Protein backbone atom coordinates (compact mmCIF):
# COMPACT_ATOMS: atom_id res chain seq x y z
CA MET A 1 95.83 -10.59 -104.99
CA SER A 2 93.56 -8.38 -102.98
CA LYS A 3 94.62 -5.90 -100.33
CA LEU A 4 94.09 -7.26 -96.82
CA ILE A 5 93.82 -5.31 -93.59
CA ALA A 6 95.21 -6.82 -90.38
CA LEU A 7 92.65 -7.35 -87.61
CA VAL A 8 95.27 -8.45 -85.08
CA ALA A 9 98.99 -7.81 -84.77
CA THR A 10 100.49 -9.99 -87.50
CA ALA A 11 104.14 -10.90 -87.91
CA VAL A 12 105.25 -11.17 -91.54
CA LEU A 13 108.53 -11.24 -93.42
CA VAL A 14 109.10 -8.13 -95.52
CA ASP A 15 112.32 -8.23 -97.57
CA GLY A 16 113.66 -10.92 -95.22
CA VAL A 17 112.98 -8.85 -92.10
CA ARG A 18 110.38 -9.88 -89.54
CA THR A 19 107.85 -7.06 -89.31
CA VAL A 20 104.78 -6.80 -87.09
CA ILE A 21 101.79 -5.27 -88.83
CA GLN A 22 99.43 -3.60 -86.36
CA PRO A 23 95.62 -4.00 -86.50
CA GLY A 24 94.05 -1.70 -89.08
CA GLU A 25 97.18 -1.48 -91.21
CA PRO A 26 97.37 -3.00 -94.68
CA LEU A 27 99.30 -6.23 -95.04
CA PRO A 28 102.03 -6.53 -97.67
CA GLU A 29 101.53 -8.78 -100.69
CA LEU A 30 101.17 -12.36 -99.48
CA SER A 31 100.92 -15.73 -101.15
CA ALA A 32 97.43 -17.05 -101.88
CA HIS A 33 97.90 -19.65 -99.14
CA ASP A 34 98.87 -17.04 -96.52
CA GLU A 35 95.93 -14.82 -97.49
CA ARG A 36 93.50 -17.72 -97.25
CA GLU A 37 94.83 -18.81 -93.86
CA LEU A 38 94.74 -15.28 -92.39
CA LEU A 39 91.18 -14.79 -93.64
CA GLN A 40 90.01 -18.15 -92.29
CA ALA A 41 91.63 -17.49 -88.93
CA GLY A 42 89.93 -14.09 -88.70
CA ALA A 43 93.29 -12.33 -88.46
CA ALA A 44 92.71 -10.25 -91.60
CA GLU A 45 89.87 -8.96 -93.73
CA ASN A 46 89.42 -7.81 -97.28
CA PRO A 47 87.58 -4.46 -97.12
CA ALA A 48 85.99 -5.06 -100.53
CA ASP A 49 84.59 -8.42 -99.41
CA THR A 50 83.38 -6.93 -96.13
CA ALA A 51 81.56 -4.14 -97.95
CA ALA A 52 79.98 -6.60 -100.38
CA LEU A 53 78.79 -8.80 -97.52
CA ALA A 54 77.33 -5.81 -95.68
CA LYS A 55 75.48 -4.75 -98.83
CA GLU A 56 74.15 -8.28 -99.31
CA ASP A 57 73.05 -8.45 -95.67
CA ALA A 58 71.21 -5.14 -96.00
CA ARG A 59 69.43 -6.41 -99.12
CA ALA A 60 68.44 -9.65 -97.39
CA LYS A 61 67.17 -7.73 -94.35
CA ALA A 62 65.08 -5.43 -96.55
CA ALA A 63 63.58 -8.45 -98.34
CA ALA A 64 62.83 -10.18 -95.03
CA ASP A 65 61.24 -7.02 -93.63
CA ALA A 66 59.05 -6.67 -96.73
CA GLU A 67 57.99 -10.33 -96.53
CA PHE A 68 57.20 -9.96 -92.82
CA GLU A 69 55.10 -6.83 -93.42
CA ALA A 70 53.16 -8.48 -96.25
CA THR A 71 52.45 -11.56 -94.12
CA ARG A 72 51.44 -9.37 -91.17
CA GLN A 73 48.96 -7.47 -93.32
CA GLN A 74 47.50 -10.73 -94.65
CA VAL A 75 46.98 -12.03 -91.12
CA GLN A 76 45.39 -8.76 -90.01
CA GLN A 77 43.04 -8.81 -93.00
CA ALA A 78 42.08 -12.43 -92.30
CA GLN A 79 41.38 -11.62 -88.66
CA GLU A 80 39.27 -8.59 -89.62
CA SER A 81 37.24 -10.59 -92.14
CA THR A 82 36.41 -13.33 -89.64
CA ALA A 83 35.81 -11.09 -86.61
CA PRO A 84 32.17 -10.70 -85.57
CA ALA A 85 30.61 -7.47 -86.70
CA LYS A 86 30.13 -4.90 -83.99
CA ALA A 87 26.51 -4.60 -83.01
CA ALA A 88 24.91 -1.28 -83.78
CA LYS A 89 23.84 0.62 -80.72
CA ALA A 90 20.10 0.72 -80.18
CA PRO A 91 18.61 4.20 -79.98
CA ALA A 92 18.14 5.40 -76.43
CA ARG A 93 14.54 5.37 -75.12
CA LYS A 94 13.01 8.44 -73.62
């Protein structure tokens, strides 16, 4: 079982006593079903999972940024290659 952190005030039974766990505090050991339900409801989070998702999101953003930049450069190069050449200025007459 992983260690969950409460995101909202959560009432649980600890040694037969109803206890309210405040947001930000670790939850006691729970059954797999209780963990799954709290996670799905958004009432708890697993810090390890959250960190892994943030790392994955950062990697995906970096890849998307690199792809965007490469595509942008290709478009700029295509526009430059098809743009009419600038006419050379004729020498000024005296």
